[in-house]
């Protein structure tokens, strides 16, 4: 589903990306100069190592469970939970089970 299709259709976000064994899968839904919205599907144990981003971001868990480390503090998150990651914060993500989550990054 491309960006233009999102304006005209509704659907379950978890149906747009699927967990693949031993992999990280991503699908960008919106990519603008002002920000992005990306779906991620992580198999259990897959992770993004600690890093920073120059922009504020919001993570929403849609399926499964993830551990988000934000400035050294662990946050075990399940569907329906979200967390704001301020610009410049050190963060990492690890799937505690097969998971789908959405990242919204605000660039302006």
Protein backbone atom coordinates (compact mmCIF):
# COMPACT_ATOMS: atom_id res chain seq x y z
CA UNK A 1 0.00 0.00 0.00
CA UNK A 2 1.70 3.22 -1.15
CA UNK A 3 1.33 6.59 0.51
CA UNK A 4 -1.42 7.72 -1.88
CA UNK A 5 -3.40 4.54 -1.14
CA UNK A 6 -3.39 5.27 2.59
CA UNK A 7 -5.49 8.37 2.01
CA UNK A 8 -8.22 6.38 0.30
CA UNK A 9 -8.23 3.07 2.16
CA UNK A 10 -8.34 1.78 5.66
CA UNK A 11 -6.94 -1.43 6.98
CA UNK A 12 -5.10 -3.14 9.76
CA UNK A 13 -1.52 -1.89 9.97
CA UNK A 14 -0.31 -5.31 11.11
CA UNK A 15 -1.47 -6.72 7.77
CA UNK A 16 0.94 -4.46 5.85
CA UNK A 17 4.13 -6.14 7.13
CA UNK A 18 4.88 -9.63 8.41
CA UNK A 19 7.44 -11.14 10.75
CA UNK A 20 10.05 -13.23 8.91
CA UNK A 21 12.11 -15.89 10.74
CA UNK A 22 15.39 -14.44 12.04
CA UNK A 23 14.81 -11.10 10.33
CA UNK A 24 13.94 -7.45 10.66
CA UNK A 25 11.44 -6.19 8.06
CA UNK A 26 10.46 -2.57 7.54
CA UNK A 27 7.87 -0.81 5.40
CA UNK A 28 7.77 2.97 5.06
CA UNK A 29 4.19 4.23 4.94
CA UNK A 30 4.91 7.97 4.81
CA UNK A 31 8.19 9.62 3.84
CA UNK A 32 8.15 13.40 3.87
CA UNK A 33 10.71 16.09 4.63
CA UNK A 34 8.73 16.79 7.82
CA UNK A 35 8.73 13.20 9.07
CA UNK A 36 8.28 9.50 8.44
CA UNK A 37 6.00 6.69 9.52
CA UNK A 38 7.53 3.22 9.30
CA UNK A 39 6.26 -0.22 10.29
CA UNK A 40 8.77 -2.74 11.62
CA UNK A 41 8.37 -6.51 12.03
CA UNK A 42 10.99 -8.17 14.26
CA UNK A 43 11.33 -11.86 14.92
CA UNK A 44 11.98 -12.78 18.56
CA UNK A 45 15.49 -11.72 19.59
CA UNK A 46 16.01 -9.30 16.70
CA UNK A 47 17.20 -5.88 17.79
CA UNK A 48 18.37 -2.43 16.87
CA UNK A 49 21.49 -1.65 18.85
CA UNK A 50 21.86 1.55 20.87
CA UNK A 51 21.85 4.70 18.77
CA UNK A 52 20.59 8.27 18.75
CA UNK A 53 18.46 10.23 16.32
CA UNK A 54 18.40 14.00 15.85
CA UNK A 55 14.58 14.03 15.84
CA UNK A 56 11.74 13.29 18.26
CA UNK A 57 10.09 9.93 17.68
CA UNK A 58 7.08 7.94 18.85
CA UNK A 59 7.03 4.13 18.99
CA UNK A 60 3.70 2.29 19.16
CA UNK A 61 3.61 -1.47 19.66
CA UNK A 62 0.96 -3.12 17.47
CA UNK A 63 1.63 -6.82 18.04
CA UNK A 64 3.91 -8.91 20.26
CA UNK A 65 6.23 -7.43 22.89
CA UNK A 66 9.38 -5.34 22.70
CA UNK A 67 11.93 -4.03 25.17
CA UNK A 68 12.89 -0.44 24.50
CA UNK A 69 15.94 0.87 26.28
CA UNK A 70 15.72 4.65 26.53
CA UNK A 71 18.68 6.44 28.14
CA UNK A 72 19.57 3.23 30.02
CA UNK A 73 16.06 2.47 31.31
CA UNK A 74 14.21 -0.64 30.08
CA UNK A 75 10.56 -0.38 29.01
CA UNK A 76 8.81 -3.69 28.29
CA UNK A 77 5.97 -2.79 25.96
CA UNK A 78 2.95 -4.67 24.61
CA UNK A 79 0.23 -3.88 22.05
CA UNK A 80 -1.41 -0.51 22.54
CA UNK A 81 1.55 0.94 24.43
CA UNK A 82 3.73 3.72 23.13
CA UNK A 83 6.77 5.70 24.16
CA UNK A 84 8.16 9.06 23.10
CA UNK A 85 11.89 9.14 22.41
CA UNK A 86 13.19 12.71 22.55
CA UNK A 87 15.74 13.88 19.99
CA UNK A 88 19.26 12.95 21.04
CA UNK A 89 18.22 10.22 23.48
CA UNK A 90 20.15 6.94 23.41
CA UNK A 91 17.77 4.11 22.57
CA UNK A 92 17.63 0.48 21.44
CA UNK A 93 14.82 -1.96 20.58
CA UNK A 94 14.68 -5.74 21.07
CA UNK A 95 11.78 -8.05 20.25
CA UNK A 96 10.83 -10.20 23.25
CA UNK A 97 8.60 -12.20 20.91
CA UNK A 98 7.67 -11.85 17.22
CA UNK A 99 6.51 -8.24 17.06
CA UNK A 100 5.20 -5.45 14.86
CA UNK A 101 5.66 -1.84 15.86
CA UNK A 102 5.33 1.58 14.27
CA UNK A 103 7.88 4.39 14.37
CA UNK A 104 6.74 7.96 13.74
CA UNK A 105 9.67 10.37 13.39
CA UNK A 106 9.09 14.11 13.40
CA UNK A 107 11.74 16.10 11.53
CA UNK A 108 10.31 19.58 11.94
